[in-house]
Amino acid sequence: MSRDGPDNPARPGPGVALCALAELADPGSKGFRFREGGKMFAGFVVQTGGAVRGYVDSCPHAGWPLAAWDDRYLTREGDLILCGGHAALFRPGDGLCVAGPCANQRLTPWPVAVIDGRIVTA
């Protein structure tokens, strides 16, 4: 079974509440971990310019989690997603790697939505 894919039993289905939108700065990011038996799913959400997007927390180059510290997925400027392992940079809007060893690869989207002031899985 894929760690990231929909066949991972730890990946939450649609409608799971993650956090209140007010808990996420703009720009800001927050990570989430889910376990089911021996399986784990890791994802994160980012908000930039009022848009909220979710991604699987896995570098396309190395497969490891992106954040070196809890909830620290964005650069200091808040304009790009940073892989703490090897400093690859990704655009928050589409997950495209714009610098680093995985140039032109993308983060795997994790569908999320904002409903009634809460960020939920979609």
PDB file of N, CA and C in Angstrom:
ATOM      1  N   MET A   1       0.823  -1.196   0.000  1.00  0.00           N
ATOM      2  CA  MET A   1       0.000   0.000   0.000  1.00  0.00           C
ATOM      3  C   MET A   1       0.862   1.252   0.000  1.00  0.00           C
ATOM      4  N   SER A   2       0.427   2.240  -0.715  1.00  0.00           N
ATOM      5  CA  SER A   2       1.141   3.503  -0.758  1.00  0.00           C
ATOM      6  C   SER A   2       0.989   4.255   0.553  1.00  0.00           C
ATOM      7  N   ARG A   3       2.068   4.885   0.994  1.00  0.00           N
ATOM      8  CA  ARG A   3       2.026   5.691   2.206  1.00  0.00           C
ATOM      9  C   ARG A   3       1.189   6.947   1.992  1.00  0.00           C
ATOM     10  N   ASP A   4       1.221   7.497   0.764  1.00  0.00           N
ATOM     11  CA  ASP A   4       0.563   8.763   0.483  1.00  0.00           C
ATOM     12  C   ASP A   4      -0.838   8.604  -0.097  1.00  0.00           C
ATOM     13  N   GLY A   5      -1.074   7.522  -0.771  1.00  0.00           N
ATOM     14  CA  GLY A   5      -2.262   7.390  -1.603  1.00  0.00           C
ATOM     15  C   GLY A   5      -3.545   7.114  -0.849  1.00  0.00           C
ATOM     16  N   PRO A   6      -4.629   7.145  -1.607  1.00  0.00           N
ATOM     17  CA  PRO A   6      -5.938   6.926  -1.005  1.00  0.00           C
ATOM     18  C   PRO A   6      -6.128   5.512  -0.458  1.00  0.00           C
ATOM     19  N   ASP A   7      -5.252   4.570  -0.845  1.00  0.00           N
ATOM     20  CA  ASP A   7      -5.360   3.211  -0.320  1.00  0.00           C
ATOM     21  C   ASP A   7      -4.705   3.064   1.055  1.00  0.00           C
ATOM     22  N   ASN A   8      -4.091   4.120   1.557  1.00  0.00           N
ATOM     23  CA  ASN A   8      -3.497   4.100   2.895  1.00  0.00           C
ATOM     24  C   ASN A   8      -4.639   4.194   3.910  1.00  0.00           C
ATOM     25  N   PRO A   9      -4.833   3.184   4.763  1.00  0.00           N
ATOM     26  CA  PRO A   9      -5.954   3.217   5.709  1.00  0.00           C
ATOM     27  C   PRO A   9      -5.860   4.341   6.743  1.00  0.00           C
ATOM     28  N   ALA A  10      -4.682   4.927   6.917  1.00  0.00           N
ATOM     29  CA  ALA A  10      -4.533   6.023   7.874  1.00  0.00           C
ATOM     30  C   ALA A  10      -4.915   7.373   7.270  1.00  0.00           C
ATOM     31  N   ARG A  11      -5.026   7.439   5.944  1.00  0.00           N
ATOM     32  CA  ARG A  11      -5.383   8.707   5.295  1.00  0.00           C
ATOM     33  C   ARG A  11      -6.843   9.013   5.606  1.00  0.00           C
ATOM     34  N   PRO A  12      -7.118  10.171   6.205  1.00  0.00           N
ATOM     35  CA  PRO A  12      -8.501  10.471   6.590  1.00  0.00           C
ATOM     36  C   PRO A  12      -9.397  10.700   5.379  1.00  0.00           C
ATOM     37  N   GLY A  13     -10.622  10.243   5.476  1.00  0.00           N
ATOM     38  CA  GLY A  13     -11.587  10.450   4.412  1.00  0.00           C
ATOM     39  C   GLY A  13     -12.115  11.873   4.415  1.00  0.00           C
ATOM     40  N   PRO A  14     -12.977  12.187   3.460  1.00  0.00           N
ATOM     41  CA  PRO A  14     -13.552  13.532   3.370  1.00  0.00           C
ATOM     42  C   PRO A  14     -14.344  13.910   4.620  1.00  0.00           C
ATOM     43  N   GLY A  15     -14.274  15.202   4.967  1.00  0.00           N
ATOM     44  CA  GLY A  15     -15.083  15.732   6.048  1.00  0.00           C
ATOM     45  C   GLY A  15     -14.452  15.720   7.426  1.00  0.00           C
ATOM     46  N   VAL A  16     -13.189  15.273   7.528  1.00  0.00           N
ATOM     47  CA  VAL A  16     -12.517  15.269   8.823  1.00  0.00           C
ATOM     48  C   VAL A  16     -12.040  16.693   9.127  1.00  0.00           C
ATOM     49  N   ALA A  17     -12.466  17.228  10.258  1.00  0.00           N
ATOM     50  CA  ALA A  17     -12.062  18.583  10.654  1.00  0.00           C
ATOM     51  C   ALA A  17     -10.600  18.568  11.093  1.00  0.00           C
ATOM     52  N   LEU A  18      -9.813  19.481  10.527  1.00  0.00           N
ATOM     53  CA  LEU A  18      -8.399  19.578  10.867  1.00  0.00           C
ATOM     54  C   LEU A  18      -8.133  20.668  11.892  1.00  0.00           C
ATOM     55  N   CYS A  19      -8.647  21.864  11.638  1.00  0.00           N
ATOM     56  CA  CYS A  19      -8.466  22.980  12.564  1.00  0.00           C
ATOM     57  C   CYS A  19      -9.360  24.131  12.125  1.00  0.00           C
ATOM     58  N   ALA A  20      -9.491  25.113  12.991  1.00  0.00           N
ATOM     59  CA  ALA A  20     -10.218  26.330  12.626  1.00  0.00           C
ATOM     60  C   ALA A  20      -9.338  27.155  11.692  1.00  0.00           C
ATOM     61  N   LEU A  21      -9.943  27.790  10.706  1.00  0.00           N
ATOM     62  CA  LEU A  21      -9.193  28.645   9.800  1.00  0.00           C
ATOM     63  C   LEU A  21      -8.457  29.730  10.580  1.00  0.00           C
ATOM     64  N   ALA A  22      -9.070  30.224  11.649  1.00  0.00           N
ATOM     65  CA  ALA A  22      -8.462  31.275  12.467  1.00  0.00           C
ATOM     66  C   ALA A  22      -7.162  30.823  13.130  1.00  0.00           C
ATOM     67  N   GLU A  23      -6.929  29.516  13.247  1.00  0.00           N
ATOM     68  CA  GLU A  23      -5.694  28.997  13.840  1.00  0.00           C
ATOM     69  C   GLU A  23      -4.527  29.010  12.861  1.00  0.00           C
ATOM     70  N   LEU A  24      -4.806  29.302  11.596  1.00  0.00           N
ATOM     71  CA  LEU A  24      -3.777  29.259  10.563  1.00  0.00           C
ATOM     72  C   LEU A  24      -3.477  30.676  10.088  1.00  0.00           C
ATOM     73  N   ALA A  25      -2.258  31.146  10.369  1.00  0.00           N
ATOM     74  CA  ALA A  25      -1.864  32.492   9.951  1.00  0.00           C
ATOM     75  C   ALA A  25      -1.847  32.585   8.427  1.00  0.00           C
ATOM     76  N   ASP A  26      -1.790  33.799   7.921  1.00  0.00           N
ATOM     77  CA  ASP A  26      -1.670  34.019   6.482  1.00  0.00           C
ATOM     78  C   ASP A  26      -0.515  34.980   6.248  1.00  0.00           C
ATOM     79  N   PRO A  27       0.657  34.513   5.847  1.00  0.00           N
ATOM     80  CA  PRO A  27       0.979  33.130   5.496  1.00  0.00           C
ATOM     81  C   PRO A  27       1.226  32.276   6.740  1.00  0.00           C
ATOM     82  N   GLY A  28       0.891  30.998   6.597  1.00  0.00           N
ATOM     83  CA  GLY A  28       1.085  30.075   7.702  1.00  0.00           C
ATOM     84  C   GLY A  28       0.928  28.639   7.252  1.00  0.00           C
ATOM     85  N   SER A  29       1.306  27.717   8.141  1.00  0.00           N
ATOM     86  CA  SER A  29       1.226  26.294   7.820  1.00  0.00           C
ATOM     87  C   SER A  29       1.030  25.483   9.093  1.00  0.00           C
ATOM     88  N   LYS A  30       0.486  24.282   8.917  1.00  0.00           N
ATOM     89  CA  LYS A  30       0.219  23.404  10.059  1.00  0.00           C
ATOM     90  C   LYS A  30       0.224  21.963   9.561  1.00  0.00           C
ATOM     91  N   GLY A  31       0.906  21.098  10.308  1.00  0.00           N
ATOM     92  CA  GLY A  31       0.993  19.687   9.944  1.00  0.00           C
ATOM     93  C   GLY A  31       0.035  18.822  10.735  1.00  0.00           C
ATOM     94  N   PHE A  32      -0.310  17.661  10.151  1.00  0.00           N
ATOM     95  CA  PHE A  32      -1.243  16.720  10.764  1.00  0.00           C
ATOM     96  C   PHE A  32      -0.745  15.297  10.546  1.00  0.00           C
ATOM     97  N   ARG A  33      -0.914  14.461  11.571  1.00  0.00           N
ATOM     98  CA  ARG A  33      -0.520  13.051  11.497  1.00  0.00           C
ATOM     99  C   ARG A  33      -1.713  12.197  11.895  1.00  0.00           C
ATOM    100  N   PHE A  34      -1.914  11.125  11.141  1.00  0.00           N
ATOM    101  CA  PHE A  34      -3.000  10.190  11.422  1.00  0.00           C
ATOM    102  C   PHE A  34      -2.429   8.781  11.415  1.00  0.00           C
ATOM    103  N   ARG A  35      -2.884   7.959  12.357  1.00  0.00           N
ATOM    104  CA  ARG A  35      -2.444   6.561  12.434  1.00  0.00           C
ATOM    105  C   ARG A  35      -3.650   5.625  12.376  1.00  0.00           C
ATOM    106  N   GLU A  36      -3.425   4.511  11.721  1.00  0.00           N
ATOM    107  CA  GLU A  36      -4.413   3.434  11.667  1.00  0.00           C
ATOM    108  C   GLU A  36      -3.614   2.141  11.699  1.00  0.00           C
ATOM    109  N   GLY A  37      -3.679   1.438  12.818  1.00  0.00           N
ATOM    110  CA  GLY A  37      -2.867   0.235  12.958  1.00  0.00           C
ATOM    111  C   GLY A  37      -1.400   0.595  12.835  1.00  0.00           C
ATOM    112  N   GLY A  38      -0.690  -0.082  11.961  1.00  0.00           N
ATOM    113  CA  GLY A  38       0.722   0.188  11.743  1.00  0.00           C
ATOM    114  C   GLY A  38       0.995   1.216  10.662  1.00  0.00           C
ATOM    115  N   LYS A  39      -0.037   1.796  10.090  1.00  0.00           N
ATOM    116  CA  LYS A  39       0.136   2.762   8.999  1.00  0.00           C
ATOM    117  C   LYS A  39       0.022   4.193   9.518  1.00  0.00           C
ATOM    118  N   MET A  40       0.721   5.098   8.832  1.00  0.00           N
ATOM    119  CA  MET A  40       0.655   6.507   9.175  1.00  0.00           C
ATOM    120  C   MET A  40       0.443   7.328   7.912  1.00  0.00           C
ATOM    121  N   PHE A  41      -0.296   8.420   8.060  1.00  0.00           N
ATOM    122  CA  PHE A  41      -0.450   9.406   6.991  1.00  0.00           C
ATOM    123  C   PHE A  41      -0.061  10.763   7.566  1.00  0.00           C
ATOM    124  N   ALA A  42       0.761  11.492   6.839  1.00  0.00           N
ATOM    125  CA  ALA A  42       1.181  12.832   7.252  1.00  0.00           C
ATOM    126  C   ALA A  42       0.823  13.818   6.149  1.00  0.00           C
ATOM    127  N   GLY A  43       0.167  14.894   6.540  1.00  0.00           N
ATOM    128  CA  GLY A  43      -0.178  15.940   5.597  1.00  0.00           C
ATOM    129  C   GLY A  43      -0.016  17.299   6.258  1.00  0.00           C
ATOM    130  N   PHE A  44      -0.079  18.347   5.450  1.00  0.00           N
ATOM    131  CA  PHE A  44      -0.009  19.696   5.998  1.00  0.00           C
ATOM    132  C   PHE A  44      -0.849  20.635   5.149  1.00  0.00           C
ATOM    133  N   VAL A  45      -1.239  21.735   5.760  1.00  0.00           N
ATOM    134  CA  VAL A  45      -1.976  22.766   5.043  1.00  0.00           C
ATOM    135  C   VAL A  45      -1.164  24.055   5.099  1.00  0.00           C
ATOM    136  N   VAL A  46      -1.306  24.854   4.045  1.00  0.00           N
ATOM    137  CA  VAL A  46      -0.667  26.165   3.986  1.00  0.00           C
ATOM    138  C   VAL A  46      -1.727  27.185   3.598  1.00  0.00           C
ATOM    139  N   GLN A  47      -1.570  28.380   4.132  1.00  0.00           N
ATOM    140  CA  GLN A  47      -2.411  29.495   3.711  1.00  0.00           C
ATOM    141  C   GLN A  47      -1.494  30.624   3.258  1.00  0.00           C
ATOM    142  N   THR A  48      -1.694  31.046   2.022  1.00  0.00           N
ATOM    143  CA  THR A  48      -0.973  32.196   1.481  1.00  0.00           C
ATOM    144  C   THR A  48      -1.958  32.999   0.645  1.00  0.00           C
ATOM    145  N   GLY A  49      -1.996  34.285   0.871  1.00  0.00           N
ATOM    146  CA  GLY A  49      -2.875  35.155   0.102  1.00  0.00           C
ATOM    147  C   GLY A  49      -4.344  34.791   0.218  1.00  0.00           C
ATOM    148  N   GLY A  50      -4.739  34.229   1.369  1.00  0.00           N
ATOM    149  CA  GLY A  50      -6.130  33.858   1.583  1.00  0.00           C
ATOM    150  C   GLY A  50      -6.522  32.495   1.024  1.00  0.00           C
ATOM    151  N   ALA A  51      -5.638  31.858   0.259  1.00  0.00           N
ATOM    152  CA  ALA A  51      -5.911  30.532  -0.303  1.00  0.00           C
ATOM    153  C   ALA A  51      -5.343  29.453   0.616  1.00  0.00           C
ATOM    154  N   VAL A  52      -6.129  28.409   0.865  1.00  0.00           N
ATOM    155  CA  VAL A  52      -5.697  27.290   1.699  1.00  0.00           C
ATOM    156  C   VAL A  52      -5.545  26.061   0.812  1.00  0.00           C
ATOM    157  N   ARG A  53      -4.385  25.414   0.927  1.00  0.00           N
ATOM    158  CA  ARG A  53      -4.130  24.202   0.151  1.00  0.00           C
ATOM    159  C   ARG A  53      -3.502  23.152   1.061  1.00  0.00           C
ATOM    160  N   GLY A  54      -3.694  21.888   0.712  1.00  0.00           N
ATOM    161  CA  GLY A  54      -3.121  20.795   1.472  1.00  0.00           C
ATOM    162  C   GLY A  54      -2.191  19.957   0.615  1.00  0.00           C
ATOM    163  N   TYR A  55      -1.167  19.416   1.257  1.00  0.00           N
ATOM    164  CA  TYR A  55      -0.210  18.542   0.574  1.00  0.00           C
ATOM    165  C   TYR A  55       0.166  17.386   1.483  1.00  0.00           C
ATOM    166  N   VAL A  56       0.519  16.266   0.872  1.00  0.00           N
ATOM    167  CA  VAL A  56       1.079  15.137   1.602  1.00  0.00           C
ATOM    168  C   VAL A  56       2.466  15.566   2.078  1.00  0.00           C
ATOM    169  N   ASP A  57       2.778  15.283   3.324  1.00  0.00           N
ATOM    170  CA  ASP A  57       4.053  15.697   3.915  1.00  0.00           C
ATOM    171  C   ASP A  57       5.150  14.707   3.541  1.00  0.00           C
ATOM    172  N   SER A  58       5.581  14.787   2.285  1.00  0.00           N
ATOM    173  CA  SER A  58       6.615  13.892   1.788  1.00  0.00           C
ATOM    174  C   SER A  58       7.351  14.571   0.634  1.00  0.00           C
ATOM    175  N   CYS A  59       8.650  14.698   0.767  1.00  0.00           N
ATOM    176  CA  CYS A  59       9.450  15.304  -0.284  1.00  0.00           C
ATOM    177  C   CYS A  59       9.461  14.389  -1.510  1.00  0.00           C
ATOM    178  N   PRO A  60       9.184  14.915  -2.706  1.00  0.00           N
ATOM    179  CA  PRO A  60       9.183  14.049  -3.891  1.00  0.00           C
ATOM    180  C   PRO A  60      10.577  13.533  -4.244  1.00  0.00           C
ATOM    181  N   HIS A  61      11.602  14.175  -3.733  1.00  0.00           N
ATOM    182  CA  HIS A  61      12.974  13.758  -4.019  1.00  0.00           C
ATOM    183  C   HIS A  61      13.438  12.648  -3.080  1.00  0.00           C
ATOM    184  N   ALA A  62      13.189  12.815  -1.778  1.00  0.00           N
ATOM    185  CA  ALA A  62      13.743  11.882  -0.799  1.00  0.00           C
ATOM    186  C   ALA A  62      12.693  11.060  -0.062  1.00  0.00           C
ATOM    187  N   GLY A  63      11.429  11.497  -0.068  1.00  0.00           N
ATOM    188  CA  GLY A  63      10.377  10.759   0.605  1.00  0.00           C
ATOM    189  C   GLY A  63      10.240  11.061   2.085  1.00  0.00           C
ATOM    190  N   TRP A  64      11.098  11.919   2.624  1.00  0.00           N
ATOM    191  CA  TRP A  64      11.008  12.228   4.050  1.00  0.00           C
ATOM    192  C   TRP A  64      10.076  13.406   4.289  1.00  0.00           C
ATOM    193  N   PRO A  65       9.652  13.641   5.538  1.00  0.00           N
ATOM    194  CA  PRO A  65       8.801  14.798   5.849  1.00  0.00           C
ATOM    195  C   PRO A  65       9.538  16.102   5.527  1.00  0.00           C
ATOM    196  N   LEU A  66       8.771  17.121   5.162  1.00  0.00           N
ATOM    197  CA  LEU A  66       9.353  18.394   4.745  1.00  0.00           C
ATOM    198  C   LEU A  66       9.794  19.277   5.911  1.00  0.00           C
ATOM    199  N   ALA A  67       9.005  19.352   6.956  1.00  0.00           N
ATOM    200  CA  ALA A  67       9.271  20.302   8.037  1.00  0.00           C
ATOM    201  C   ALA A  67      10.364  19.789   8.977  1.00  0.00           C
ATOM    202  N   ALA A  68      11.348  20.643   9.232  1.00  0.00           N
ATOM    203  CA  ALA A  68      12.376  20.302  10.203  1.00  0.00           C
ATOM    204  C   ALA A  68      11.867  20.539  11.625  1.00  0.00           C
ATOM    205  N   TRP A  69      10.892  21.435  11.781  1.00  0.00           N
ATOM    206  CA  TRP A  69      10.264  21.729  13.065  1.00  0.00           C
ATOM    207  C   TRP A  69       8.763  21.680  12.871  1.00  0.00           C
ATOM    208  N   ASP A  70       8.028  21.377  13.940  1.00  0.00           N
ATOM    209  CA  ASP A  70       6.567  21.277  13.860  1.00  0.00           C
ATOM    210  C   ASP A  70       5.967  22.518  13.206  1.00  0.00           C
ATOM    211  N   ASP A  71       5.117  22.286  12.234  1.00  0.00           N
ATOM    212  CA  ASP A  71       4.322  23.318  11.566  1.00  0.00           C
ATOM    213  C   ASP A  71       5.145  24.368  10.822  1.00  0.00           C
ATOM    214  N   ARG A  72       6.432  24.132  10.592  1.00  0.00           N
ATOM    215  CA  ARG A  72       7.288  25.099   9.887  1.00  0.00           C
ATOM    216  C   ARG A  72       7.543  24.622   8.464  1.00  0.00           C
ATOM    217  N   TYR A  73       6.561  24.794   7.605  1.00  0.00           N
ATOM    218  CA  TYR A  73       6.675  24.360   6.216  1.00  0.00           C
ATOM    219  C   TYR A  73       7.047  25.503   5.274  1.00  0.00           C
ATOM    220  N   LEU A  74       6.830  26.737   5.694  1.00  0.00           N
ATOM    221  CA  LEU A  74       7.091  27.877   4.821  1.00  0.00           C
ATOM    222  C   LEU A  74       8.451  28.509   5.106  1.00  0.00           C
ATOM    223  N   THR A  75       9.005  29.157   4.088  1.00  0.00           N
ATOM    224  CA  THR A  75      10.230  29.916   4.270  1.00  0.00           C
ATOM    225  C   THR A  75       9.973  31.062   5.235  1.00  0.00           C
ATOM    226  N   ARG A  76      11.021  31.680   5.702  1.00  0.00           N
ATOM    227  CA  ARG A  76      10.903  32.805   6.630  1.00  0.00           C
ATOM    228  C   ARG A  76      10.024  33.912   6.044  1.00  0.00           C
ATOM    229  N   GLU A  77      10.112  34.115   4.737  1.00  0.00           N
ATOM    230  CA  GLU A  77       9.309  35.139   4.067  1.00  0.00           C
ATOM    231  C   GLU A  77       7.855  34.707   3.896  1.00  0.00           C
ATOM    232  N   GLY A  78       7.585  33.419   4.038  1.00  0.00           N
ATOM    233  CA  GLY A  78       6.229  32.899   3.916  1.00  0.00           C
ATOM    234  C   GLY A  78       5.736  32.757   2.493  1.00  0.00           C
ATOM    235  N   ASP A  79       6.648  32.829   1.528  1.00  0.00           N
ATOM    236  CA  ASP A  79       6.214  32.788   0.136  1.00  0.00           C
ATOM    237  C   ASP A  79       6.411  31.444  -0.546  1.00  0.00           C
ATOM    238  N   LEU A  80       7.201  30.555   0.055  1.00  0.00           N
ATOM    239  CA  LEU A  80       7.472  29.243  -0.533  1.00  0.00           C
ATOM    240  C   LEU A  80       7.461  28.168   0.546  1.00  0.00           C
ATOM    241  N   ILE A  81       7.198  26.928   0.133  1.00  0.00           N
ATOM    242  CA  ILE A  81       7.290  25.766   1.012  1.00  0.00           C
ATOM    243  C   ILE A  81       8.736  25.276   0.947  1.00  0.00           C
ATOM    244  N   LEU A  82       9.310  24.989   2.106  1.00  0.00           N
ATOM    245  CA  LEU A  82      10.711  24.597   2.207  1.00  0.00           C
ATOM    246  C   LEU A  82      10.848  23.161   2.687  1.00  0.00           C
ATOM    247  N   CYS A  83      11.659  22.374   1.999  1.00  0.00           N
ATOM    248  CA  CYS A  83      12.035  21.052   2.506  1.00  0.00           C
ATOM    249  C   CYS A  83      13.219  21.256   3.437  1.00  0.00           C
ATOM    250  N   GLY A  84      13.023  21.002   4.715  1.00  0.00           N
ATOM    251  CA  GLY A  84      14.074  21.189   5.706  1.00  0.00           C
ATOM    252  C   GLY A  84      15.247  20.245   5.528  1.00  0.00           C
ATOM    253  N   GLY A  85      15.070  19.159   4.797  1.00  0.00           N
ATOM    254  CA  GLY A  85      16.136  18.182   4.623  1.00  0.00           C
ATOM    255  C   GLY A  85      17.198  18.602   3.624  1.00  0.00           C
ATOM    256  N   HIS A  86      16.795  19.225   2.514  1.00  0.00           N
ATOM    257  CA  HIS A  86      17.785  19.610   1.515  1.00  0.00           C
ATOM    258  C   HIS A  86      17.459  20.938   0.833  1.00  0.00           C
ATOM    259  N   ALA A  87      16.594  21.727   1.453  1.00  0.00           N
ATOM    260  CA  ALA A  87      16.317  23.108   1.044  1.00  0.00           C
ATOM    261  C   ALA A  87      15.645  23.258  -0.315  1.00  0.00           C
ATOM    262  N   ALA A  88      14.964  22.239  -0.795  1.00  0.00           N
ATOM    263  CA  ALA A  88      14.168  22.411  -2.012  1.00  0.00           C
ATOM    264  C   ALA A  88      13.039  23.392  -1.703  1.00  0.00           C
ATOM    265  N   LEU A  89      12.632  24.153  -2.707  1.00  0.00           N
ATOM    266  CA  LEU A  89      11.577  25.147  -2.548  1.00  0.00           C
ATOM    267  C   LEU A  89      10.419  24.830  -3.486  1.00  0.00           C
ATOM    268  N   PHE A  90       9.198  24.943  -2.945  1.00  0.00           N
ATOM    269  CA  PHE A  90       7.985  24.619  -3.689  1.00  0.00           C
ATOM    270  C   PHE A  90       7.018  25.790  -3.640  1.00  0.00           C
ATOM    271  N   ARG A  91       6.303  26.019  -4.737  1.00  0.00           N
ATOM    272  CA  ARG A  91       5.274  27.059  -4.742  1.00  0.00           C
ATOM    273  C   ARG A  91       4.057  26.558  -3.965  1.00  0.00           C
ATOM    274  N   PRO A  92       3.511  27.381  -3.071  1.00  0.00           N
ATOM    275  CA  PRO A  92       2.345  26.955  -2.291  1.00  0.00           C
ATOM    276  C   PRO A  92       1.091  26.735  -3.139  1.00  0.00           C
ATOM    277  N   GLY A  93       0.962  27.445  -4.231  1.00  0.00           N
ATOM    278  CA  GLY A  93      -0.255  27.357  -5.028  1.00  0.00           C
ATOM    279  C   GLY A  93      -0.438  26.064  -5.786  1.00  0.00           C
ATOM    280  N   ASP A  94       0.676  25.451  -6.208  1.00  0.00           N
ATOM    281  CA  ASP A  94       0.549  24.226  -7.000  1.00  0.00           C
ATOM    282  C   ASP A  94       1.554  23.143  -6.617  1.00  0.00           C
ATOM    283  N   GLY A  95       2.415  23.406  -5.611  1.00  0.00           N
ATOM    284  CA  GLY A  95       3.363  22.402  -5.140  1.00  0.00           C
ATOM    285  C   GLY A  95       4.541  22.157  -6.054  1.00  0.00           C
ATOM    286  N   LEU A  96       4.732  22.979  -7.078  1.00  0.00           N
ATOM    287  CA  LEU A  96       5.834  22.788  -8.019  1.00  0.00           C
ATOM    288  C   LEU A  96       7.158  23.155  -7.365  1.00  0.00           C
ATOM    289  N   CYS A  97       8.154  22.278  -7.514  1.00  0.00           N
ATOM    290  CA  CYS A  97       9.495  22.553  -7.000  1.00  0.00           C
ATOM    291  C   CYS A  97      10.176  23.543  -7.948  1.00  0.00           C
ATOM    292  N   VAL A  98      10.597  24.675  -7.404  1.00  0.00           N
ATOM    293  CA  VAL A  98      11.225  25.718  -8.212  1.00  0.00           C
ATOM    294  C   VAL A  98      12.728  25.834  -7.948  1.00  0.00           C
ATOM    295  N   ALA A  99      13.246  25.118  -6.950  1.00  0.00           N
ATOM    296  CA  ALA A  99      14.681  25.106  -6.664  1.00  0.00           C
ATOM    297  C   ALA A  99      15.012  23.876  -5.838  1.00  0.00           C
ATOM    298  N   GLY A 100      16.175  23.283  -6.144  1.00  0.00           N
ATOM    299  CA  GLY A 100      16.601  22.113  -5.386  1.00  0.00           C
ATOM    300  C   GLY A 100      16.689  20.878  -6.251  1.00  0.00           C
ATOM    301  N   PRO A 101      17.012  19.735  -5.654  1.00  0.00           N
ATOM    302  CA  PRO A 101      17.257  18.510  -6.414  1.00  0.00           C
ATOM    303  C   PRO A 101      16.012  17.892  -7.054  1.00  0.00           C
ATOM    304  N   CYS A 102      14.844  18.394  -6.718  1.00  0.00           N
ATOM    305  CA  CYS A 102      13.626  17.830  -7.324  1.00  0.00           C
ATOM    306  C   CYS A 102      12.945  18.864  -8.231  1.00  0.00           C
ATOM    307  N   ALA A 103      13.743  19.749  -8.851  1.00  0.00           N
ATOM    308  CA  ALA A 103      13.190  20.796  -9.719  1.00  0.00           C
ATOM    309  C   ALA A 103      12.207  20.201 -10.725  1.00  0.00           C
ATOM    310  N   ASN A 104      11.081  20.876 -10.864  1.00  0.00           N
ATOM    311  CA  ASN A 104       9.987  20.530 -11.770  1.00  0.00           C
ATOM    312  C   ASN A 104       9.144  19.342 -11.316  1.00  0.00           C
ATOM    313  N   GLN A 105       9.441  18.758 -10.157  1.00  0.00           N
ATOM    314  CA  GLN A 105       8.545  17.760  -9.577  1.00  0.00           C
ATOM    315  C   GLN A 105       7.542  18.504  -8.705  1.00  0.00           C
ATOM    316  N   ARG A 106       6.507  17.815  -8.258  1.00  0.00           N
ATOM    317  CA  ARG A 106       5.461  18.462  -7.456  1.00  0.00           C
ATOM    318  C   ARG A 106       5.211  17.700  -6.165  1.00  0.00           C
ATOM    319  N   LEU A 107       4.780  18.459  -5.169  1.00  0.00           N
ATOM    320  CA  LEU A 107       4.254  17.842  -3.963  1.00  0.00           C
ATOM    321  C   LEU A 107       2.943  17.167  -4.320  1.00  0.00           C
ATOM    322  N   THR A 108       2.585  16.123  -3.581  1.00  0.00           N
ATOM    323  CA  THR A 108       1.317  15.431  -3.816  1.00  0.00           C
ATOM    324  C   THR A 108       0.195  16.194  -3.123  1.00  0.00           C
ATOM    325  N   PRO A 109      -0.824  16.625  -3.883  1.00  0.00           N
ATOM    326  CA  PRO A 109      -1.938  17.362  -3.263  1.00  0.00           C
ATOM    327  C   PRO A 109      -2.689  16.503  -2.251  1.00  0.00           C
ATOM    328  N   TRP A 110      -3.177  17.138  -1.208  1.00  0.00           N
ATOM    329  CA  TRP A 110      -4.061  16.530  -0.216  1.00  0.00           C
ATOM    330  C   TRP A 110      -5.293  17.421  -0.192  1.00  0.00           C
ATOM    331  N   PRO A 111      -6.393  16.996  -0.775  1.00  0.00           N
ATOM    332  CA  PRO A 111      -7.560  17.866  -0.904  1.00  0.00           C
ATOM    333  C   PRO A 111      -8.134  18.302   0.448  1.00  0.00           C
ATOM    334  N   VAL A 112      -8.242  19.625   0.610  1.00  0.00           N
ATOM    335  CA  VAL A 112      -8.845  20.216   1.797  1.00  0.00           C
ATOM    336  C   VAL A 112      -9.797  21.312   1.343  1.00  0.00           C
ATOM    337  N   ALA A 113     -10.680  21.712   2.242  1.00  0.00           N
ATOM    338  CA  ALA A 113     -11.640  22.783   1.960  1.00  0.00           C
ATOM    339  C   ALA A 113     -11.868  23.569   3.238  1.00  0.00           C
ATOM    340  N   VAL A 114     -12.345  24.793   3.075  1.00  0.00           N
ATOM    341  CA  VAL A 114     -12.743  25.600   4.222  1.00  0.00           C
ATOM    342  C   VAL A 114     -14.265  25.630   4.241  1.00  0.00           C
ATOM    343  N   ILE A 115     -14.839  25.104   5.315  1.00  0.00           N
ATOM    344  CA  ILE A 115     -16.306  25.040   5.476  1.00  0.00           C
ATOM    345  C   ILE A 115     -16.664  25.578   6.858  1.00  0.00           C
ATOM    346  N   ASP A 116     -17.507  26.586   6.860  1.00  0.00           N
ATOM    347  CA  ASP A 116     -17.963  27.187   8.120  1.00  0.00           C
ATOM    348  C   ASP A 116     -16.807  27.560   9.043  1.00  0.00           C
ATOM    349  N   GLY A 117     -15.740  28.135   8.469  1.00  0.00           N
ATOM    350  CA  GLY A 117     -14.618  28.597   9.270  1.00  0.00           C
ATOM    351  C   GLY A 117     -13.676  27.521   9.738  1.00  0.00           C
ATOM    352  N   ARG A 118     -13.835  26.287   9.225  1.00  0.00           N
ATOM    353  CA  ARG A 118     -12.958  25.179   9.604  1.00  0.00           C
ATOM    354  C   ARG A 118     -12.300  24.606   8.368  1.00  0.00           C
ATOM    355  N   ILE A 119     -11.048  24.173   8.525  1.00  0.00           N
ATOM    356  CA  ILE A 119     -10.363  23.475   7.437  1.00  0.00           C
ATOM    357  C   ILE A 119     -10.656  21.992   7.610  1.00  0.00           C
ATOM    358  N   VAL A 120     -11.187  21.378   6.550  1.00  0.00           N
ATOM    359  CA  VAL A 120     -11.575  19.971   6.592  1.00  0.00           C
ATOM    360  C   VAL A 120     -10.978  19.242   5.388  1.00  0.00           C
ATOM    361  N   THR A 121     -10.856  17.925   5.506  1.00  0.00           N
ATOM    362  CA  THR A 121     -10.436  17.125   4.375  1.00  0.00           C
ATOM    363  C   THR A 121     -11.570  17.095   3.353  1.00  0.00           C
ATOM    364  N   ALA A 122     -11.184  17.068   2.089  1.00  0.00           N
ATOM    365  CA  ALA A 122     -12.199  17.078   1.019  1.00  0.00           C
ATOM    366  C   ALA A 122     -12.174  15.773   0.234  1.00  0.00           C
TER     367      ALA A 122
END
